[in-house]
Amino acid sequence: MKKVGLGFAVVLALVLLGGFVMNQLGDVAKAARAGDCARISGALDNPTYQALDCGSEQANVKIAKVLDWNEKTCPSGGMDYSTYTGDATLCLMPNFVEGACYGQDSEAGIAKVDCTAKDSVKVAKVVSGKADQTACGTQRAAVFPEPAITFCLERGDQKQ
């Protein structure tokens, strides 16, 4: 699996949906904590933030870190985090589940889809506590340093 293709690029671009969300979600950040999950939707028009249980099918992002008032950027050294800025800045990462497939969603940016969907990306493995490109072998890796996690990705729409 050397090349994941266009679907992978689309999903990762959509992971960055936080850039569209900046300064538009009110005071949601007051109660937000690292590890909480949410659904961000309407990213292009009128973004909304809905706090959800991380096990919810609708939860498309997880708060990786809540930046202190004097911190200006999310952690570096891996994939770029999406951000949401309201009363605080939230560093967001995808709420990927091992074995699930994801694709483009016009309302939420990224959403769980059937693995047979065109250009879907499957999360083949989730390696918690480790931010390491090599943890995925030949599969594509999406690495986040804080909290340390590596998502091993492959095309979902290919017959195995």
C-alpha atoms as a PDB file:
ATOM      1  CA  MET A   1       0.000   0.000   0.000  1.00  0.00           C
ATOM      2  CA  LYS A   2       2.360   2.684  -1.169  1.00  0.00           C
ATOM      3  CA  LYS A   3      -0.175   5.196  -2.344  1.00  0.00           C
ATOM      4  CA  VAL A   4      -3.445   5.964  -0.647  1.00  0.00           C
ATOM      5  CA  GLY A   5      -4.424   8.433  -3.334  1.00  0.00           C
ATOM      6  CA  LEU A   6      -6.859  11.246  -3.739  1.00  0.00           C
ATOM      7  CA  GLY A   7      -9.236  10.011  -1.033  1.00  0.00           C
ATOM      8  CA  PHE A   8      -6.476  10.240   1.573  1.00  0.00           C
ATOM      9  CA  ALA A   9      -5.610  13.766   0.477  1.00  0.00           C
ATOM     10  CA  VAL A  10      -9.268  14.810   0.603  1.00  0.00           C
ATOM     11  CA  VAL A  11      -9.738  13.403   4.104  1.00  0.00           C
ATOM     12  CA  LEU A  12      -6.593  15.021   5.443  1.00  0.00           C
ATOM     13  CA  ALA A  13      -7.530  18.342   3.884  1.00  0.00           C
ATOM     14  CA  LEU A  14     -10.891  18.106   5.563  1.00  0.00           C
ATOM     15  CA  VAL A  15      -9.266  17.331   8.885  1.00  0.00           C
ATOM     16  CA  LEU A  16      -8.038  20.887   8.690  1.00  0.00           C
ATOM     17  CA  LEU A  17     -11.601  22.174   8.793  1.00  0.00           C
ATOM     18  CA  GLY A  18     -10.784  24.057  11.963  1.00  0.00           C
ATOM     19  CA  GLY A  19      -9.337  26.836   9.863  1.00  0.00           C
ATOM     20  CA  PHE A  20     -12.891  27.647   8.835  1.00  0.00           C
ATOM     21  CA  VAL A  21     -14.153  27.478  12.390  1.00  0.00           C
ATOM     22  CA  MET A  22     -12.000  30.167  13.947  1.00  0.00           C
ATOM     23  CA  ASN A  23     -13.763  32.797  16.061  1.00  0.00           C
ATOM     24  CA  GLN A  24     -17.276  31.678  15.195  1.00  0.00           C
ATOM     25  CA  LEU A  25     -18.371  29.256  17.878  1.00  0.00           C
ATOM     26  CA  GLY A  26     -19.035  31.504  20.845  1.00  0.00           C
ATOM     27  CA  ASP A  27     -18.001  30.433  24.349  1.00  0.00           C
ATOM     28  CA  VAL A  28     -17.871  26.674  23.789  1.00  0.00           C
ATOM     29  CA  ALA A  29     -14.241  26.567  24.886  1.00  0.00           C
ATOM     30  CA  LYS A  30     -15.068  27.556  28.471  1.00  0.00           C
ATOM     31  CA  ALA A  31     -16.069  23.986  29.299  1.00  0.00           C
ATOM     32  CA  ALA A  32     -13.909  22.168  26.746  1.00  0.00           C
ATOM     33  CA  ARG A  33     -11.167  19.847  28.004  1.00  0.00           C
ATOM     34  CA  ALA A  34      -8.465  17.830  26.269  1.00  0.00           C
ATOM     35  CA  GLY A  35      -9.887  14.424  25.402  1.00  0.00           C
ATOM     36  CA  ASP A  36     -13.431  15.721  24.846  1.00  0.00           C
ATOM     37  CA  CYS A  37     -15.044  15.055  21.488  1.00  0.00           C
ATOM     38  CA  ALA A  38     -17.411  17.052  19.330  1.00  0.00           C
ATOM     39  CA  ARG A  39     -19.061  17.355  15.968  1.00  0.00           C
ATOM     40  CA  ILE A  40     -18.139  20.378  13.934  1.00  0.00           C
ATOM     41  CA  SER A  41     -20.494  20.982  11.059  1.00  0.00           C
ATOM     42  CA  GLY A  42     -21.350  23.753   8.650  1.00  0.00           C
ATOM     43  CA  ALA A  43     -17.647  24.515   8.424  1.00  0.00           C
ATOM     44  CA  LEU A  44     -17.840  26.564   5.268  1.00  0.00           C
ATOM     45  CA  ASP A  45     -20.969  28.596   5.978  1.00  0.00           C
ATOM     46  CA  ASN A  46     -21.899  28.850   9.624  1.00  0.00           C
ATOM     47  CA  PRO A  47     -19.842  26.425  11.728  1.00  0.00           C
ATOM     48  CA  THR A  48     -21.393  24.868  14.783  1.00  0.00           C
ATOM     49  CA  TYR A  49     -19.762  22.985  17.629  1.00  0.00           C
ATOM     50  CA  GLN A  50     -21.693  20.244  19.387  1.00  0.00           C
ATOM     51  CA  ALA A  51     -20.022  18.499  22.339  1.00  0.00           C
ATOM     52  CA  LEU A  52     -20.524  14.726  22.075  1.00  0.00           C
ATOM     53  CA  ASP A  53     -19.377  11.512  23.679  1.00  0.00           C
ATOM     54  CA  CYS A  54     -16.285  10.226  21.865  1.00  0.00           C
ATOM     55  CA  GLY A  55     -18.136   6.977  21.074  1.00  0.00           C
ATOM     56  CA  SER A  56     -20.821   8.818  19.133  1.00  0.00           C
ATOM     57  CA  GLU A  57     -20.992   8.093  15.408  1.00  0.00           C
ATOM     58  CA  GLN A  58     -21.319  11.857  14.865  1.00  0.00           C
ATOM     59  CA  ALA A  59     -18.191  12.914  16.834  1.00  0.00           C
ATOM     60  CA  ASN A  60     -15.728  13.888  14.104  1.00  0.00           C
ATOM     61  CA  VAL A  61     -13.075  15.704  16.191  1.00  0.00           C
ATOM     62  CA  LYS A  62     -11.294  15.252  19.509  1.00  0.00           C
ATOM     63  CA  ILE A  63      -9.744  18.069  21.516  1.00  0.00           C
ATOM     64  CA  ALA A  64      -6.036  17.298  21.651  1.00  0.00           C
ATOM     65  CA  LYS A  65      -5.099  20.352  23.704  1.00  0.00           C
ATOM     66  CA  VAL A  66      -6.599  23.546  25.068  1.00  0.00           C
ATOM     67  CA  LEU A  67      -3.993  26.270  24.662  1.00  0.00           C
ATOM     68  CA  ASP A  68      -3.218  28.546  27.573  1.00  0.00           C
ATOM     69  CA  TRP A  69      -3.664  32.277  27.023  1.00  0.00           C
ATOM     70  CA  ASN A  70       0.063  32.721  26.317  1.00  0.00           C
ATOM     71  CA  GLU A  71       0.373  29.796  23.858  1.00  0.00           C
ATOM     72  CA  LYS A  72      -0.016  30.758  20.242  1.00  0.00           C
ATOM     73  CA  THR A  73       0.221  27.466  18.376  1.00  0.00           C
ATOM     74  CA  CYS A  74      -0.731  23.832  18.659  1.00  0.00           C
ATOM     75  CA  PRO A  75       1.983  21.197  19.133  1.00  0.00           C
ATOM     76  CA  SER A  76       4.214  20.521  16.133  1.00  0.00           C
ATOM     77  CA  GLY A  77       6.120  17.514  14.907  1.00  0.00           C
ATOM     78  CA  GLY A  78       3.349  15.644  13.112  1.00  0.00           C
ATOM     79  CA  MET A  79       0.105  16.382  11.277  1.00  0.00           C
ATOM     80  CA  ASP A  80      -1.258  19.896  11.571  1.00  0.00           C
ATOM     81  CA  TYR A  81      -4.032  20.251  14.122  1.00  0.00           C
ATOM     82  CA  SER A  82      -7.233  22.015  13.218  1.00  0.00           C
ATOM     83  CA  THR A  83      -7.952  24.932  15.525  1.00  0.00           C
ATOM     84  CA  TYR A  84     -10.996  26.550  16.983  1.00  0.00           C
ATOM     85  CA  THR A  85     -10.634  29.915  18.669  1.00  0.00           C
ATOM     86  CA  GLY A  86     -13.326  31.347  20.869  1.00  0.00           C
ATOM     87  CA  ASP A  87     -12.724  32.122  24.521  1.00  0.00           C
ATOM     88  CA  ALA A  88      -9.743  29.761  24.228  1.00  0.00           C
ATOM     89  CA  THR A  89      -7.963  28.035  21.371  1.00  0.00           C
ATOM     90  CA  LEU A  90      -8.646  24.338  20.916  1.00  0.00           C
ATOM     91  CA  CYS A  91      -6.235  22.107  19.011  1.00  0.00           C
ATOM     92  CA  LEU A  92      -8.398  19.522  17.247  1.00  0.00           C
ATOM     93  CA  MET A  93      -7.534  16.168  15.749  1.00  0.00           C
ATOM     94  CA  PRO A  94      -9.773  13.645  14.006  1.00  0.00           C
ATOM     95  CA  ASN A  95     -11.755  11.272  16.198  1.00  0.00           C
ATOM     96  CA  PHE A  96     -10.767   8.250  14.092  1.00  0.00           C
ATOM     97  CA  VAL A  97     -11.835   4.757  15.154  1.00  0.00           C
ATOM     98  CA  GLU A  98      -9.831   1.680  14.202  1.00  0.00           C
ATOM     99  CA  GLY A  99     -11.546  -0.296  11.457  1.00  0.00           C
ATOM    100  CA  ALA A 100     -13.836   2.578  10.451  1.00  0.00           C
ATOM    101  CA  CYS A 101     -13.765   4.386   7.118  1.00  0.00           C
ATOM    102  CA  TYR A 102     -14.029   8.112   6.562  1.00  0.00           C
ATOM    103  CA  GLY A 103     -14.821  10.358   3.658  1.00  0.00           C
ATOM    104  CA  GLN A 104     -15.883  13.809   2.617  1.00  0.00           C
ATOM    105  CA  ASP A 105     -19.110  15.201   4.025  1.00  0.00           C
ATOM    106  CA  SER A 106     -20.444  18.521   2.747  1.00  0.00           C
ATOM    107  CA  GLU A 107     -21.897  19.452   6.149  1.00  0.00           C
ATOM    108  CA  ALA A 108     -19.301  18.136   8.609  1.00  0.00           C
ATOM    109  CA  GLY A 109     -16.193  18.080   6.447  1.00  0.00           C
ATOM    110  CA  ILE A 110     -15.279  14.554   7.471  1.00  0.00           C
ATOM    111  CA  ALA A 111     -17.590  11.742   8.500  1.00  0.00           C
ATOM    112  CA  LYS A 112     -17.762   7.997   8.885  1.00  0.00           C
ATOM    113  CA  VAL A 113     -18.777   6.316   5.653  1.00  0.00           C
ATOM    114  CA  ASP A 114     -19.197   2.793   4.359  1.00  0.00           C
ATOM    115  CA  CYS A 115     -15.811   1.416   3.348  1.00  0.00           C
ATOM    116  CA  THR A 116     -17.101   0.789  -0.169  1.00  0.00           C
ATOM    117  CA  ALA A 117     -17.663   4.525  -0.656  1.00  0.00           C
ATOM    118  CA  LYS A 118     -15.539   6.064  -3.397  1.00  0.00           C
ATOM    119  CA  ASP A 119     -12.317   7.619  -2.088  1.00  0.00           C
ATOM    120  CA  SER A 120     -12.942   6.432   1.485  1.00  0.00           C
ATOM    121  CA  VAL A 121      -9.996   6.061   3.845  1.00  0.00           C
ATOM    122  CA  LYS A 122      -9.871   3.189   6.324  1.00  0.00           C
ATOM    123  CA  VAL A 123      -8.197   3.486   9.703  1.00  0.00           C
ATOM    124  CA  ALA A 124      -6.352   0.175   9.690  1.00  0.00           C
ATOM    125  CA  LYS A 125      -4.741   0.666  13.090  1.00  0.00           C
ATOM    126  CA  VAL A 126      -4.638   3.183  15.941  1.00  0.00           C
ATOM    127  CA  VAL A 127      -1.416   3.270  17.950  1.00  0.00           C
ATOM    128  CA  SER A 128      -2.070   5.218  21.164  1.00  0.00           C
ATOM    129  CA  GLY A 129       0.828   6.632  23.159  1.00  0.00           C
ATOM    130  CA  LYS A 130       3.155   6.673  20.155  1.00  0.00           C
ATOM    131  CA  ALA A 131       3.727   9.370  17.545  1.00  0.00           C
ATOM    132  CA  ASP A 132       5.828   7.398  15.083  1.00  0.00           C
ATOM    133  CA  GLN A 133       5.601   7.232  11.279  1.00  0.00           C
ATOM    134  CA  THR A 134       7.266   3.799  11.298  1.00  0.00           C
ATOM    135  CA  ALA A 135       4.511   2.279  13.459  1.00  0.00           C
ATOM    136  CA  CYS A 136       2.449   1.734  10.306  1.00  0.00           C
ATOM    137  CA  GLY A 137       5.010  -0.118   8.227  1.00  0.00           C
ATOM    138  CA  THR A 138       4.127   0.417   4.565  1.00  0.00           C
ATOM    139  CA  GLN A 139       0.754   2.023   5.327  1.00  0.00           C
ATOM    140  CA  ARG A 140       0.290   5.774   5.351  1.00  0.00           C
ATOM    141  CA  ALA A 141       0.638   7.281   8.843  1.00  0.00           C
ATOM    142  CA  ALA A 142      -1.124  10.309  10.321  1.00  0.00           C
ATOM    143  CA  VAL A 143       0.858  11.220  13.434  1.00  0.00           C
ATOM    144  CA  PHE A 144      -0.138  13.615  16.207  1.00  0.00           C
ATOM    145  CA  PRO A 145       2.398  14.381  18.965  1.00  0.00           C
ATOM    146  CA  GLU A 146       0.035  15.539  21.730  1.00  0.00           C
ATOM    147  CA  PRO A 147      -1.538  13.377  22.830  1.00  0.00           C
ATOM    148  CA  ALA A 148       0.803  10.942  21.095  1.00  0.00           C
ATOM    149  CA  ILE A 149      -1.190   8.909  18.610  1.00  0.00           C
ATOM    150  CA  THR A 150      -0.569   7.379  15.196  1.00  0.00           C
ATOM    151  CA  PHE A 151      -3.337   6.497  12.759  1.00  0.00           C
ATOM    152  CA  CYS A 152      -2.395   3.918  10.111  1.00  0.00           C
ATOM    153  CA  LEU A 153      -4.453   4.577   6.997  1.00  0.00           C
ATOM    154  CA  GLU A 154      -5.275   2.696   3.837  1.00  0.00           C
ATOM    155  CA  ARG A 155      -7.774   3.071   1.030  1.00  0.00           C
ATOM    156  CA  GLY A 156     -11.175   1.881   2.055  1.00  0.00           C
ATOM    157  CA  ASP A 157     -12.691   1.601  -1.393  1.00  0.00           C
ATOM    158  CA  GLN A 158     -10.315  -1.046  -2.712  1.00  0.00           C
ATOM    159  CA  LYS A 159     -11.267  -4.694  -2.775  1.00  0.00           C
ATOM    160  CA  GLN A 160      -8.938  -6.586  -0.456  1.00  0.00           C
END
